Amino acid sequence: MKQFQPPQFLRGIERSPIRAITDRAKPGDISFGLGEPDLPTPGVIRRAAVRAIQEERNGYTLQAGLPALRELVAGDYPHLNLSTDQVIITAGSQEAMYLALMTLVEAGDEVLIPNPGFVAYPTITQMAGGSSTYYQLPASNDFSFDLEDFKRQLTPKTKVVVCTSPSNPTGRTFTSDELRGMAEAVEESGSGAFVISDEIYRDLYYTGERPSSISEFYPRTIVISGLSKSTCMTGWRLGWILGDEAVIRAAHLLHGYVTTCASTISQKAALAAWTDEAAEARKQIRSTFQMRRDHLLAELRGVGQRCVTPDGAFYTMVDISRYGTSMEVAEAMLEAGVVTVPGNAFGSEGEGFLRVSFCADLPVLTEGVVRMKAALTLMKKPII
């Protein structure tokens, strides 16, 4: 019997390195691995879901999603003057990213991706038949944007540029000036590229005001976002994609075959995310994560460990370059009972770092740092 071979577009694709290490966690391990808030979904959203389950029929919605929800999402981007036809509600931002790249990219196209950047970007690009190129967010400068390097990486084959702010894995954000510089560079390159702006962490910020979106400076922007992180709804699978009408029309066609529609109950519950009660809950969630960030950074620096101060999201990059490769150190951490993600999973600029999430209570963060120190001590490298 002929042995099964996956189709060409799946060959060479492996499980996410994040999952590959976090799935090996043992009972009692402390997880600083997955990017998943541990706080409860705001009560106003949970009550809306219960009401929908108990009182309403919950068949399919329109494939693009509930019109009322799409109108709320569009309203968050008044500068784009969107109609509801330019918004699709998706099964999380991951589906939205898949739709965007599979719609925009074909064989021979280049996708310009941040290094370090989220692991799905080059993987989906490969599935679409494109090739990944990279602009550097240099570790030597705490992963800040390097405009000159960005300009050097733009070519006539650049079909898509991916912009992530706040960043996964670094938590750094782009300033308005940096986003404007990026937009002007793409415009001046003559490539006609679309920008995909991954904004899933945009409402988790510690900079005083919500970070800008590159869509404010570059009209050919496709925005990806959702409620998973900002309102602790990862399992609800509720995201969206919005932007250029022709692109969204094509993405809608693919969405219909991939998902049919996002969960009806999740969509109905999500309507409550634009209430005053939900806005106050998001503010409290931000405050909790900022307190955890400050606590973790203090604990790490208190034992002599260099780490990057994130502007948003819930990760810090911890410099472990003097102890070994990021994978070697992540393995040692796992043996010591703490799950981290090796920085090289996100690109070459992440080598020498671990991505450490602060989705845990303060005592757990403290104990996690104790275990990290023990792991590095056992590696017989310089002791922190």
Protein backbone atom coordinates (compact mmCIF):
# COMPACT_ATOMS: atom_id res chain seq x y z
CA MET A 1 0.00 0.00 0.00
CA LYS A 2 1.31 3.42 -0.93
CA GLN A 3 2.47 5.42 2.08
CA PHE A 4 0.62 8.64 2.79
CA GLN A 5 2.44 11.87 2.00
CA PRO A 6 0.98 15.21 3.02
CA PRO A 7 0.41 17.72 0.23
CA GLN A 8 3.37 19.82 -0.82
CA PHE A 9 2.27 22.92 1.07
CA LEU A 10 2.38 21.01 4.39
CA ARG A 11 5.69 19.25 3.88
CA GLY A 12 8.40 20.53 6.16
CA ILE A 13 5.88 22.23 8.42
CA GLU A 14 6.19 21.18 12.03
CA ARG A 15 4.26 21.79 15.20
CA SER A 16 4.77 25.22 16.73
CA PRO A 17 7.93 25.25 18.87
CA ILE A 18 5.88 27.02 21.54
CA ARG A 19 3.51 24.07 21.76
CA ALA A 20 6.35 21.58 21.39
CA ILE A 21 7.85 22.71 24.70
CA THR A 22 4.76 23.83 26.63
CA ASP A 23 2.97 20.52 25.97
CA ARG A 24 5.80 18.78 27.85
CA ALA A 25 4.96 20.49 31.13
CA LYS A 26 4.63 18.15 34.10
CA PRO A 27 2.13 18.38 36.96
CA GLY A 28 3.38 21.02 39.38
CA ASP A 29 5.39 22.90 36.77
CA ILE A 30 5.08 26.69 36.63
CA SER A 31 4.15 27.81 33.13
CA PHE A 32 5.71 30.97 31.78
CA GLY A 33 5.13 29.59 28.30
CA LEU A 34 1.80 30.03 26.53
CA GLY A 35 0.45 33.51 25.89
CA GLU A 36 -2.83 32.97 27.67
CA PRO A 37 -4.28 35.27 30.33
CA ASP A 38 -5.19 33.43 33.53
CA LEU A 39 -7.79 36.01 34.61
CA PRO A 40 -11.53 35.36 34.21
CA THR A 41 -13.49 36.71 31.27
CA PRO A 42 -15.34 39.88 32.42
CA GLY A 43 -18.68 39.13 34.04
CA VAL A 44 -20.68 41.27 31.61
CA ILE A 45 -19.47 39.09 28.73
CA ARG A 46 -20.10 35.82 30.57
CA ARG A 47 -23.63 36.92 31.49
CA ALA A 48 -24.33 37.81 27.87
CA ALA A 49 -23.20 34.32 26.80
CA VAL A 50 -25.41 32.62 29.39
CA ARG A 51 -28.38 34.71 28.31
CA ALA A 52 -27.80 33.80 24.66
CA ILE A 53 -27.57 30.09 25.53
CA GLN A 54 -30.69 30.06 27.68
CA GLU A 55 -32.96 32.43 25.81
CA GLU A 56 -32.05 32.48 22.12
CA ARG A 57 -31.66 30.27 19.08
CA ASN A 58 -28.01 29.94 18.18
CA GLY A 59 -27.76 28.72 14.63
CA TYR A 60 -25.31 30.08 12.07
CA THR A 61 -24.81 33.80 11.78
CA LEU A 62 -24.01 35.40 8.45
CA GLN A 63 -20.64 34.07 7.37
CA ALA A 64 -19.03 37.46 7.94
CA GLY A 65 -20.53 37.63 11.42
CA LEU A 66 -23.27 39.51 13.22
CA PRO A 67 -23.80 42.91 11.54
CA ALA A 68 -24.06 44.63 14.93
CA LEU A 69 -20.69 43.20 16.00
CA ARG A 70 -19.03 44.15 12.73
CA GLU A 71 -20.37 47.67 13.13
CA LEU A 72 -18.80 47.92 16.60
CA VAL A 73 -15.45 46.67 15.31
CA ALA A 74 -15.53 49.09 12.37
CA GLY A 75 -16.26 51.91 14.81
CA ASP A 76 -12.90 51.35 16.50
CA TYR A 77 -11.20 52.52 13.28
CA PRO A 78 -13.05 55.75 12.35
CA HIS A 79 -10.11 56.95 10.23
CA LEU A 80 -10.70 54.04 7.81
CA ASN A 81 -14.40 54.89 7.27
CA LEU A 82 -15.27 51.18 7.05
CA SER A 83 -18.56 49.63 6.08
CA THR A 84 -19.62 46.39 7.76
CA ASP A 85 -18.74 44.62 4.49
CA GLN A 86 -15.09 45.43 5.23
CA VAL A 87 -15.09 43.44 8.49
CA ILE A 88 -15.16 39.66 9.01
CA ILE A 89 -15.56 38.10 12.45
CA THR A 90 -13.21 35.10 12.64
CA ALA A 91 -12.42 32.15 14.88
CA GLY A 92 -9.75 34.08 16.73
CA SER A 93 -7.02 36.31 15.33
CA GLN A 94 -5.11 33.21 14.21
CA GLU A 95 -7.76 32.47 11.60
CA ALA A 96 -7.74 36.13 10.63
CA MET A 97 -3.97 35.99 10.04
CA TYR A 98 -4.40 32.79 8.01
CA LEU A 99 -7.08 34.44 5.86
CA ALA A 100 -4.96 37.55 5.31
CA LEU A 101 -1.79 35.76 4.22
CA MET A 102 -3.55 33.09 2.16
CA THR A 103 -5.56 35.80 0.39
CA LEU A 104 -2.66 38.15 -0.32
CA VAL A 105 0.29 35.83 -0.99
CA GLU A 106 1.07 33.49 -3.88
CA ALA A 107 4.15 31.81 -5.34
CA GLY A 108 7.07 34.20 -5.79
CA ASP A 109 5.80 36.82 -3.36
CA GLU A 110 7.89 38.00 -0.43
CA VAL A 111 6.47 38.65 3.02
CA LEU A 112 8.55 40.96 5.19
CA ILE A 113 8.32 39.77 8.80
CA PRO A 114 9.74 41.14 12.07
CA ASN A 115 12.70 39.28 13.59
CA PRO A 116 11.87 38.29 16.27
CA GLY A 117 8.22 37.72 15.44
CA PHE A 118 5.35 35.35 16.04
CA VAL A 119 5.97 31.81 14.79
CA ALA A 120 2.84 31.63 12.61
CA TYR A 121 3.90 34.35 10.19
CA PRO A 122 6.59 32.45 8.23
CA THR A 123 4.68 29.17 8.53
CA ILE A 124 1.51 30.47 6.90
CA THR A 125 3.61 32.32 4.32
CA GLN A 126 5.20 28.99 3.38
CA MET A 127 1.76 27.38 3.12
CA ALA A 128 0.70 30.14 0.74
CA GLY A 129 3.75 29.53 -1.48
CA GLY A 130 5.51 32.78 -0.61
CA SER A 131 8.92 33.34 0.93
CA SER A 132 9.75 35.09 4.19
CA THR A 133 12.23 37.92 4.48
CA TYR A 134 12.98 39.70 7.73
CA TYR A 135 13.52 43.14 9.19
CA GLN A 136 15.48 43.27 12.41
CA LEU A 137 14.27 44.34 15.82
CA PRO A 138 17.80 44.20 17.23
CA ALA A 139 18.31 42.46 20.56
CA SER A 140 21.29 44.77 21.09
CA ASN A 141 18.85 47.69 21.29
CA ASP A 142 16.18 45.97 23.39
CA PHE A 143 14.31 44.93 20.22
CA SER A 144 13.54 48.47 19.06
CA PHE A 145 12.57 49.20 15.46
CA ASP A 146 15.47 49.79 13.03
CA LEU A 147 14.09 51.91 10.20
CA GLU A 148 17.24 51.79 8.07
CA ASP A 149 17.34 48.00 8.15
CA PHE A 150 13.61 47.94 7.34
CA LYS A 151 14.20 50.06 4.25
CA ARG A 152 17.02 47.77 3.11
CA GLN A 153 14.77 44.72 3.25
CA LEU A 154 12.01 46.16 1.04
CA THR A 155 12.17 44.90 -2.58
CA PRO A 156 9.91 45.01 -5.63
CA LYS A 157 8.82 41.47 -4.69
CA THR A 158 7.58 42.56 -1.27
CA LYS A 159 3.87 41.80 -1.38
CA VAL A 160 3.10 42.01 2.34
CA VAL A 161 4.71 43.61 5.38
CA VAL A 162 3.76 42.30 8.82
CA CYS A 163 3.67 44.83 11.66
CA THR A 164 3.03 43.68 15.23
CA SER A 165 2.57 46.24 17.99
CA PRO A 166 2.78 45.39 20.84
CA SER A 167 5.13 42.62 19.79
CA ASN A 168 4.92 38.94 20.46
CA PRO A 169 7.48 37.93 21.77
CA THR A 170 9.11 41.14 23.03
CA GLY A 171 6.21 43.26 24.28
CA ARG A 172 7.75 46.33 22.63
CA THR A 173 5.50 48.78 20.77
CA PHE A 174 6.14 50.99 17.75
CA THR A 175 5.85 54.71 18.40
CA SER A 176 3.71 56.85 16.12
CA ASP A 177 6.88 58.22 14.50
CA GLU A 178 8.17 54.71 13.88
CA LEU A 179 4.87 53.64 12.32
CA ARG A 180 4.87 56.75 10.16
CA GLY A 181 8.43 55.98 9.07
CA MET A 182 7.48 52.41 8.23
CA ALA A 183 4.47 53.59 6.22
CA GLU A 184 6.53 56.15 4.29
CA ALA A 185 9.22 53.55 3.54
CA VAL A 186 6.68 51.11 2.10
CA GLU A 187 5.07 53.89 0.06
CA GLU A 188 8.42 55.10 -1.30
CA SER A 189 9.55 51.57 -2.17
CA GLY A 190 7.01 51.42 -4.99
CA SER A 191 6.20 47.80 -4.13
CA GLY A 192 2.51 48.53 -3.56
CA ALA A 193 2.69 46.14 -0.61
CA PHE A 194 -0.11 45.63 1.83
CA VAL A 195 0.66 45.91 5.54
CA ILE A 196 -0.89 43.34 7.86
CA SER A 197 -1.14 44.95 11.28
CA ASP A 198 -1.41 42.34 14.04
CA GLU A 199 -3.03 44.26 16.88
CA ILE A 200 -4.17 41.42 19.15
CA TYR A 201 -2.22 42.95 22.08
CA ARG A 202 -3.05 46.58 21.34
CA ASP A 203 -5.39 46.96 24.35
CA LEU A 204 -2.78 45.53 26.74
CA TYR A 205 -0.42 48.48 27.10
CA TYR A 206 1.58 50.09 29.92
CA THR A 207 2.55 53.32 28.18
CA GLY A 208 -0.24 55.59 29.41
CA GLU A 209 -2.18 55.65 26.18
CA ARG A 210 -3.24 53.07 23.63
CA PRO A 211 -0.56 52.52 20.95
CA SER A 212 -1.22 53.86 17.47
CA SER A 213 -2.16 51.63 14.54
CA ILE A 214 -0.18 51.78 11.31
CA SER A 215 -3.56 51.97 9.57
CA GLU A 216 -3.58 55.62 10.68
CA PHE A 217 -0.60 56.26 8.38
CA TYR A 218 -0.90 53.69 5.59
CA PRO A 219 -4.26 53.09 3.87
CA ARG A 220 -3.33 49.67 2.38
CA THR A 221 -3.45 48.10 5.84
CA ILE A 222 -5.26 44.91 6.77
CA VAL A 223 -5.91 44.87 10.51
CA ILE A 224 -5.97 41.64 12.53
CA SER A 225 -7.24 41.68 16.10
CA GLY A 226 -9.71 40.19 18.54
CA LEU A 227 -10.73 39.85 22.18
CA SER A 228 -8.60 36.86 23.24
CA LYS A 229 -5.95 38.81 25.13
CA SER A 230 -7.53 42.09 26.21
CA THR A 231 -10.68 40.50 27.66
CA CYS A 232 -9.27 37.06 28.55
CA MET A 233 -11.30 35.20 25.91
CA THR A 234 -8.72 32.88 24.34
CA GLY A 235 -11.00 29.86 24.31
CA TRP A 236 -13.96 31.79 22.95
CA ARG A 237 -12.17 32.08 19.58
CA LEU A 238 -13.34 35.56 18.65
CA GLY A 239 -11.26 37.72 16.31
CA TRP A 240 -11.59 39.82 13.19
CA ILE A 241 -9.99 40.99 9.99
CA LEU A 242 -10.77 44.34 8.39
CA GLY A 243 -9.57 46.69 5.67
CA ASP A 244 -9.50 47.03 1.89
CA GLU A 245 -12.86 45.99 0.45
CA ALA A 246 -11.50 43.81 -2.37
CA VAL A 247 -9.13 41.97 -0.01
CA ILE A 248 -11.84 41.39 2.58
CA ARG A 249 -14.21 40.13 -0.14
CA ALA A 250 -11.64 37.51 -1.17
CA ALA A 251 -10.89 36.62 2.46
CA HIS A 252 -14.63 36.22 3.06
CA LEU A 253 -14.77 33.55 0.36
CA LEU A 254 -11.97 31.58 2.02
CA HIS A 255 -13.47 32.10 5.49
CA GLY A 256 -16.76 30.58 4.35
CA TYR A 257 -15.06 27.33 3.40
CA VAL A 258 -12.66 27.23 6.36
CA THR A 259 -14.99 28.14 9.24
CA THR A 260 -18.52 28.90 7.92
CA CYS A 261 -18.84 31.46 10.72
CA ALA A 262 -17.36 32.21 14.11
CA SER A 263 -19.16 30.80 17.16
CA THR A 264 -22.59 32.39 17.40
CA ILE A 265 -22.57 32.39 21.20
CA SER A 266 -19.12 33.99 21.30
CA GLN A 267 -20.27 36.66 18.86
CA LYS A 268 -23.36 37.50 20.89
CA ALA A 269 -21.34 37.62 24.09
CA ALA A 270 -18.73 39.82 22.39
CA LEU A 271 -21.31 42.54 21.82
CA ALA A 272 -20.97 43.26 25.54
CA ALA A 273 -17.24 43.97 25.13
CA TRP A 274 -18.10 47.53 24.05
CA THR A 275 -20.05 48.35 27.22
CA ASP A 276 -18.79 50.63 29.99
CA GLU A 277 -18.57 47.65 32.34
CA ALA A 278 -16.29 45.81 29.91
CA ALA A 279 -14.15 48.91 29.41
CA GLU A 280 -13.64 49.12 33.18
CA ALA A 281 -12.78 45.39 33.26
CA ARG A 282 -10.14 45.89 30.55
CA LYS A 283 -8.66 48.73 32.58
CA GLN A 284 -8.43 46.43 35.62
CA ILE A 285 -6.88 43.65 33.51
CA ARG A 286 -4.22 46.08 32.26
CA SER A 287 -3.54 47.21 35.80
CA THR A 288 -3.12 43.63 37.00
CA PHE A 289 -0.72 42.77 34.22
CA GLN A 290 1.29 45.94 34.75
CA MET A 291 1.65 45.08 38.44
CA ARG A 292 2.75 41.55 37.49
CA ARG A 293 5.19 42.93 34.91
CA ASP A 294 6.81 45.22 37.44
CA HIS A 295 7.00 42.43 40.02
CA LEU A 296 8.58 39.93 37.63
CA LEU A 297 11.12 42.41 36.31
CA ALA A 298 12.09 43.33 39.86
CA GLU A 299 12.49 39.67 40.81
CA LEU A 300 14.63 38.90 37.76
CA ARG A 301 16.80 41.98 38.11
CA GLY A 302 17.10 41.33 41.82
CA VAL A 303 19.05 38.16 41.02
CA GLY A 304 21.19 39.92 38.41
CA GLN A 305 19.25 38.89 35.31
CA ARG A 306 18.95 41.23 32.34
CA CYS A 307 15.45 41.44 30.88
CA VAL A 308 13.60 43.77 28.52
CA THR A 309 10.88 46.08 29.83
CA PRO A 310 7.77 45.44 27.70
CA ASP A 311 5.50 48.31 26.66
CA GLY A 312 2.54 45.97 26.26
CA ALA A 313 1.38 42.34 25.98
CA PHE A 314 2.46 40.03 28.85
CA TYR A 315 5.96 38.86 27.97
CA THR A 316 9.49 39.84 28.77
CA MET A 317 12.59 38.65 26.95
CA VAL A 318 15.18 37.36 29.43
CA ASP A 319 18.84 37.39 28.37
CA ILE A 320 20.37 33.95 29.07
CA SER A 321 23.10 34.14 26.42
CA ARG A 322 25.91 33.51 28.91
CA TYR A 323 24.46 30.11 29.88
CA GLY A 324 24.01 28.40 26.50
CA THR A 325 21.65 28.40 23.56
CA SER A 326 18.06 29.40 24.16
CA MET A 327 16.92 25.80 23.57
CA GLU A 328 19.51 24.40 26.00
CA VAL A 329 18.44 26.82 28.68
CA ALA A 330 14.71 26.24 28.04
CA GLU A 331 15.32 22.49 28.44
CA ALA A 332 17.13 23.13 31.72
CA MET A 333 14.24 25.29 32.90
CA LEU A 334 11.82 22.49 32.07
CA GLU A 335 13.87 20.08 34.16
CA ALA A 336 13.69 22.55 37.06
CA GLY A 337 9.91 22.78 36.79
CA VAL A 338 9.40 26.05 34.97
CA VAL A 339 8.18 26.31 31.37
CA THR A 340 9.66 29.03 29.16
CA VAL A 341 9.94 29.45 25.40
CA PRO A 342 13.34 29.56 23.67
CA GLY A 343 13.84 32.86 21.91
CA ASN A 344 15.11 31.25 18.70
CA ALA A 345 11.55 30.03 18.08
CA PHE A 346 10.81 33.62 17.05
CA GLY A 347 13.84 34.22 14.82
CA SER A 348 17.58 34.69 14.99
CA GLU A 349 17.35 37.93 16.99
CA GLY A 350 15.64 35.95 19.74
CA GLU A 351 18.59 33.60 20.21
CA GLY A 352 20.17 34.04 23.61
CA PHE A 353 16.82 34.92 25.20
CA LEU A 354 13.84 33.20 26.74
CA ARG A 355 10.31 34.51 26.29
CA VAL A 356 8.81 34.58 29.78
CA SER A 357 5.11 35.23 30.26
CA PHE A 358 3.75 36.92 33.37
CA CYS A 359 0.28 35.36 33.24
CA ALA A 360 0.45 34.22 36.87
CA ASP A 361 -0.12 35.54 40.38
CA LEU A 362 2.73 37.30 42.17
CA PRO A 363 3.75 34.38 44.43
CA VAL A 364 3.90 32.10 41.39
CA LEU A 365 6.09 34.61 39.56
CA THR A 366 8.41 34.74 42.56
CA GLU A 367 8.65 30.96 42.78
CA GLY A 368 9.23 30.76 39.04
CA VAL A 369 12.26 33.03 39.32
CA VAL A 370 13.60 30.86 42.16
CA ARG A 371 13.33 27.82 39.89
CA MET A 372 14.93 29.68 37.00
CA LYS A 373 17.90 30.57 39.18
CA ALA A 374 18.20 26.94 40.29
CA ALA A 375 18.14 25.76 36.67
CA LEU A 376 20.96 28.09 35.68
CA THR A 377 22.98 27.06 38.72
CA LEU A 378 22.69 23.41 37.70
CA MET A 379 23.96 24.26 34.22
CA LYS A 380 27.33 25.05 35.86
CA LYS A 381 27.41 28.42 34.14
CA PRO A 382 27.80 31.80 35.85
CA ILE A 383 25.29 31.94 38.71
CA ILE A 384 22.78 34.77 38.71
